[in-house]
Structure formats: structure tokens, C-alpha cells
Amino acid sequence: MMLSEADVNEQLISDSRIFHFGSLSMTGEICEAATKKAVNAAKKNGLIISFDPNLRENLWDSLDKAKEKIEYGIADCDILKISDNEIQWFTGERDFDRAVEKLRGRFGNIRLLLLSLGKDGSRAYSGENSAYAPAVPAKTTETTGAGDTFCGAILSKVLEYGLRDYSQRELSDMLCFANAAAAIVTERKGALRVMPQQAEIIDRMRRSRND
């Protein structure tokens, strides 16, 4: 949150393929300016843009302001990862199908929409296709970093497949991979340093299917 425009490394952005951001870096004027500078650099260089609202109510002066900044992020992204409580809050719809339809109808820029449902698994929407994957059973220690791990796993698949309209099978595979990655992290203390490698995720997927 101390990041300023002067700290934004535009060369690093131009050398990348995906730019991911969230609303936390827009809770103050200085970091918001830095975020928008980085987003503009990503758009200028043709990067895939991914956004996670990651709403933390206590960090905002008001929820109206939070909604305004989150709307900015959704309007500028190709990939949106949003949680069950966030999509209900943002759209005012309790039914997830109606909430997704409302969101996609309003923001035509979203190529891939990911809806995380906590212990109830996750959903994905791309073009005319959608998919659901149940959560992978885990001996949860803490949930810190689970959402970030889920999103990172999805983005790794986007890099593998390329950004396009995905089939139902592809969406399902992406969700199963991301759910397994998130399950692993919930069994460990911390977040970034304990994120799993691909081989570990694939092994967890295999074991969960055999259980």
C-alpha cells in the first residue's frame, strides 16, 4: 500500500504476459495512482489482465467507494475471479446464475469469469460454456492464501492454453487443478512460500479422484 507511481516498473510489465491486480492497492490515493499506471501499461503492451476484487471492508472508508474501485477493475479485466459473497454484494443478486448473467451482461470485456464458492467448490464461465468442480477434501489448518493460490493456478492454465473461449472440459480441468492447489495451501501455515508446484498439484488431483 506504500507503492507509488514512481515505483512502477513498466519494463517488467512489458516483459510479462499477464497482469494481475486487486482492489487492495486502490484503498489509498498513492497506491491507487500506481495501480492505474500499471494497468495502463499492461493495456498498452497487450497483456492479459486479471482482476480479483478481494474485498476487505475494514480497509475502505465506505462500501460505495469500494464498489466504485472494484467496478474500475472489472471493467478493465479479461479474467475476473470473484467470490460468492462478493458477486452477491456487487450485483445485488442472491442467485449465482442471475448474478453471473448480470455481471457478464454489463461487462462484455470479461473473457473468463471464475466464481469461488469456498467449501462448495468453484465455477467457471467462458463464452457459451460453463463448468463446476467440487472442492478437494483437505485437512484445513488455515485458509490464508487459498484464493490467491486458486487464481494463480488458473492463470498458469491460461498461459498454457492461451486466452480464448474454453470448452466445458477445459474449464472443468482448470477448476479441478485450481481447487487442488488451494486445498494444499489450506493445510499449511502461511501463503506465498507454501504454494505447491505443478507436480504436487497433479498428484493431489489423482489421489482425490481415487478416494
Protein backbone atom coordinates (compact mmCIF):
# COMPACT_ATOMS: atom_id res chain seq x y z
CA MET A 1 0.00 0.00 0.00
CA MET A 2 3.09 2.23 0.04
CA LEU A 3 3.62 1.69 -3.70
CA SER A 4 3.71 4.93 -5.69
CA GLU A 5 3.71 5.67 -9.41
CA ALA A 6 7.49 6.13 -9.28
CA ASP A 7 7.82 2.52 -8.07
CA VAL A 8 6.02 1.01 -11.05
CA ASN A 9 8.47 -0.88 -13.27
CA GLU A 10 6.97 -0.55 -16.74
CA GLN A 11 9.74 -2.64 -18.29
CA LEU A 12 8.80 -5.55 -16.03
CA ILE A 13 5.19 -5.17 -17.14
CA SER A 14 6.06 -5.00 -20.84
CA ASP A 15 8.10 -8.22 -20.49
CA SER A 16 5.13 -10.08 -18.98
CA ARG A 17 2.15 -11.94 -20.41
CA ILE A 18 -0.40 -11.46 -17.62
CA PHE A 19 -1.01 -8.54 -15.27
CA HIS A 20 -2.99 -9.39 -12.14
CA PHE A 21 -4.30 -6.91 -9.60
CA GLY A 22 -6.95 -6.45 -6.92
CA SER A 23 -8.78 -3.75 -5.04
CA LEU A 24 -6.46 -3.65 -2.02
CA SER A 25 -3.98 -1.50 -3.91
CA MET A 26 -6.70 1.07 -4.57
CA THR A 27 -7.63 1.78 -0.94
CA GLY A 28 -5.37 4.86 -0.81
CA GLU A 29 -4.67 7.65 -3.30
CA ILE A 30 -0.94 6.95 -3.72
CA CYS A 31 -1.27 3.22 -4.33
CA GLU A 32 -4.38 3.73 -6.46
CA ALA A 33 -2.40 6.00 -8.80
CA ALA A 34 0.34 3.39 -9.00
CA THR A 35 -2.20 0.66 -9.75
CA LYS A 36 -3.83 2.62 -12.54
CA LYS A 37 -0.45 3.45 -14.05
CA ALA A 38 0.42 -0.25 -14.04
CA VAL A 39 -2.94 -1.22 -15.55
CA ASN A 40 -2.50 1.33 -18.35
CA ALA A 41 1.00 -0.01 -19.04
CA ALA A 42 -0.38 -3.54 -19.20
CA LYS A 43 -3.12 -2.50 -21.63
CA LYS A 44 -0.64 -0.57 -23.76
CA ASN A 45 1.58 -3.64 -24.05
CA GLY A 46 -1.28 -6.02 -24.83
CA LEU A 47 -1.10 -8.10 -21.65
CA ILE A 48 -3.90 -10.32 -20.44
CA ILE A 49 -5.42 -8.50 -17.46
CA SER A 50 -6.71 -10.42 -14.46
CA PHE A 51 -8.62 -8.92 -11.54
CA ASP A 52 -9.64 -10.19 -8.10
CA PRO A 53 -11.83 -7.78 -6.08
CA ASN A 54 -10.60 -9.36 -2.81
CA LEU A 55 -12.95 -7.12 -0.83
CA ARG A 56 -11.75 -6.23 2.67
CA GLU A 57 -14.45 -4.00 4.08
CA ASN A 58 -12.42 -2.66 7.02
CA LEU A 59 -9.87 -1.08 4.66
CA TRP A 60 -12.39 1.18 2.92
CA ASP A 61 -13.90 4.47 4.05
CA SER A 62 -17.22 3.26 2.66
CA LEU A 63 -18.57 0.34 0.68
CA ASP A 64 -19.75 2.78 -2.01
CA LYS A 65 -16.13 3.75 -2.61
CA ALA A 66 -15.11 0.10 -2.62
CA LYS A 67 -17.75 -0.68 -5.23
CA GLU A 68 -16.56 2.22 -7.41
CA LYS A 69 -12.95 0.97 -7.42
CA ILE A 70 -13.95 -2.64 -7.91
CA GLU A 71 -16.10 -1.59 -10.87
CA TYR A 72 -12.98 0.01 -12.38
CA GLY A 73 -11.12 -3.29 -12.05
CA ILE A 74 -13.91 -5.38 -13.52
CA ALA A 75 -14.34 -3.00 -16.45
CA ASP A 76 -10.65 -3.33 -17.36
CA CYS A 77 -10.08 -7.07 -16.98
CA ASP A 78 -10.10 -10.06 -19.32
CA ILE A 79 -10.25 -12.52 -16.42
CA LEU A 80 -12.33 -11.99 -13.30
CA LYS A 81 -12.02 -14.12 -10.18
CA ILE A 82 -14.78 -13.25 -7.73
CA SER A 83 -16.06 -14.95 -4.58
CA ASP A 84 -19.62 -15.96 -3.76
CA ASN A 85 -20.16 -13.18 -1.21
CA GLU A 86 -18.51 -10.56 -3.46
CA ILE A 87 -20.68 -11.28 -6.50
CA GLN A 88 -23.83 -11.18 -4.38
CA TRP A 89 -22.77 -7.87 -2.85
CA PHE A 90 -21.73 -6.31 -6.15
CA THR A 91 -24.74 -7.38 -8.22
CA GLY A 92 -27.41 -7.43 -5.51
CA GLU A 93 -28.43 -10.91 -6.70
CA ARG A 94 -28.57 -13.86 -4.28
CA ASP A 95 -28.87 -16.44 -7.06
CA PHE A 96 -25.45 -17.11 -8.55
CA ASP A 97 -26.66 -17.80 -12.09
CA ARG A 98 -28.54 -14.50 -12.20
CA ALA A 99 -25.58 -12.69 -10.64
CA VAL A 100 -23.18 -14.07 -13.25
CA GLU A 101 -25.59 -13.26 -16.08
CA LYS A 102 -25.97 -9.71 -14.77
CA LEU A 103 -22.22 -9.23 -14.46
CA ARG A 104 -21.39 -10.63 -17.89
CA GLY A 105 -24.19 -8.63 -19.47
CA ARG A 106 -22.88 -5.41 -18.01
CA PHE A 107 -19.17 -6.04 -18.62
CA GLY A 108 -18.67 -7.52 -22.06
CA ASN A 109 -14.89 -7.44 -21.71
CA ILE A 110 -14.76 -10.46 -19.37
CA ARG A 111 -13.43 -13.47 -21.33
CA LEU A 112 -13.18 -15.82 -18.35
CA LEU A 113 -15.20 -15.48 -15.15
CA LEU A 114 -14.28 -17.57 -12.12
CA LEU A 115 -16.63 -17.88 -9.16
CA SER A 116 -15.11 -19.30 -5.97
CA LEU A 117 -17.57 -20.93 -3.57
CA GLY A 118 -15.31 -21.86 -0.66
CA LYS A 119 -16.07 -25.35 0.66
CA ASP A 120 -18.68 -25.74 -2.11
CA GLY A 121 -16.08 -25.67 -4.89
CA SER A 122 -15.93 -23.30 -7.85
CA ARG A 123 -17.49 -22.41 -11.18
CA ALA A 124 -16.11 -21.02 -14.44
CA TYR A 125 -17.75 -19.28 -17.38
CA SER A 126 -16.26 -18.72 -20.84
CA GLY A 127 -18.16 -17.87 -24.00
CA GLU A 128 -21.21 -20.13 -24.13
CA ASN A 129 -19.70 -22.73 -21.80
CA SER A 130 -19.59 -23.16 -18.06
CA ALA A 131 -18.34 -25.76 -15.60
CA TYR A 132 -18.42 -26.65 -11.92
CA ALA A 133 -15.86 -28.51 -9.82
CA PRO A 134 -16.33 -29.58 -6.19
CA ALA A 135 -13.80 -28.60 -3.56
CA VAL A 136 -10.94 -31.03 -2.98
CA PRO A 137 -11.10 -32.50 0.55
CA ALA A 138 -8.43 -31.06 2.83
CA LYS A 139 -7.33 -31.16 6.46
CA THR A 140 -7.53 -27.38 6.68
CA THR A 141 -5.16 -25.55 9.01
CA GLU A 142 -5.89 -22.04 7.75
CA THR A 143 -7.36 -20.52 4.60
CA THR A 144 -4.79 -17.72 4.14
CA GLY A 145 -3.66 -17.64 0.52
CA ALA A 146 -6.23 -20.14 -0.76
CA GLY A 147 -7.88 -17.61 -3.07
CA ASP A 148 -4.55 -16.35 -4.39
CA THR A 149 -3.39 -19.92 -5.00
CA PHE A 150 -6.62 -20.76 -6.81
CA CYS A 151 -6.21 -17.70 -9.03
CA GLY A 152 -2.52 -18.35 -9.69
CA ALA A 153 -3.27 -21.93 -10.70
CA ILE A 154 -5.97 -20.77 -13.12
CA LEU A 155 -3.63 -18.18 -14.64
CA SER A 156 -0.97 -20.84 -15.17
CA LYS A 157 -3.52 -22.76 -17.25
CA VAL A 158 -4.41 -19.60 -19.18
CA LEU A 159 -0.72 -19.26 -20.07
CA GLU A 160 -0.71 -22.90 -21.16
CA TYR A 161 -3.89 -22.75 -23.25
CA GLY A 162 -3.86 -19.11 -24.34
CA LEU A 163 -6.76 -16.74 -23.66
CA ARG A 164 -9.77 -17.82 -25.71
CA ASP A 165 -13.21 -19.32 -25.32
CA TYR A 166 -12.72 -22.62 -23.49
CA SER A 167 -14.68 -25.85 -23.78
CA GLN A 168 -16.59 -27.23 -20.82
CA ARG A 169 -13.94 -29.92 -20.42
CA GLU A 170 -11.14 -27.36 -20.37
CA LEU A 171 -12.98 -25.24 -17.81
CA SER A 172 -13.55 -28.30 -15.64
CA ASP A 173 -9.86 -29.28 -15.84
CA MET A 174 -8.80 -25.76 -14.91
CA LEU A 175 -11.10 -25.71 -11.89
CA CYS A 176 -10.01 -29.15 -10.67
CA PHE A 177 -6.36 -28.09 -10.92
CA ALA A 178 -7.00 -24.81 -9.08
CA ASN A 179 -9.16 -26.43 -6.39
CA ALA A 180 -6.44 -29.00 -5.69
CA ALA A 181 -3.81 -26.26 -5.42
CA ALA A 182 -5.97 -24.28 -3.00
CA ALA A 183 -6.64 -27.39 -0.89
CA ILE A 184 -2.91 -27.99 -0.46
CA VAL A 185 -2.31 -24.44 0.75
CA THR A 186 -5.09 -24.64 3.35
CA GLU A 187 -3.19 -27.47 5.01
CA ARG A 188 -0.11 -25.31 5.55
CA LYS A 189 0.78 -22.27 7.60
CA GLY A 190 1.32 -19.09 5.59
CA ALA A 191 0.64 -18.30 1.96
CA LEU A 192 3.20 -17.44 -0.74
CA ARG A 193 6.10 -19.58 0.47
CA VAL A 194 3.95 -22.71 0.73
CA MET A 195 2.28 -22.60 -2.68
CA PRO A 196 2.63 -26.02 -4.36
CA GLN A 197 4.50 -26.95 -7.52
CA GLN A 198 2.63 -28.35 -10.52
CA ALA A 199 3.67 -31.97 -9.91
CA GLU A 200 2.33 -31.80 -6.36
CA ILE A 201 -1.00 -30.41 -7.57
CA ILE A 202 -1.37 -33.13 -10.20
CA ASP A 203 -0.62 -35.80 -7.59
CA ARG A 204 -3.27 -34.34 -5.28
CA MET A 205 -5.79 -34.35 -8.12
CA ARG A 206 -5.03 -38.01 -8.83
CA ARG A 207 -5.37 -39.01 -5.17
CA SER A 208 -8.64 -37.10 -4.71
CA ARG A 209 -10.12 -38.87 -7.73
CA ASN A 210 -9.14 -42.27 -6.30
CA ASP A 211 -10.59 -41.56 -2.84
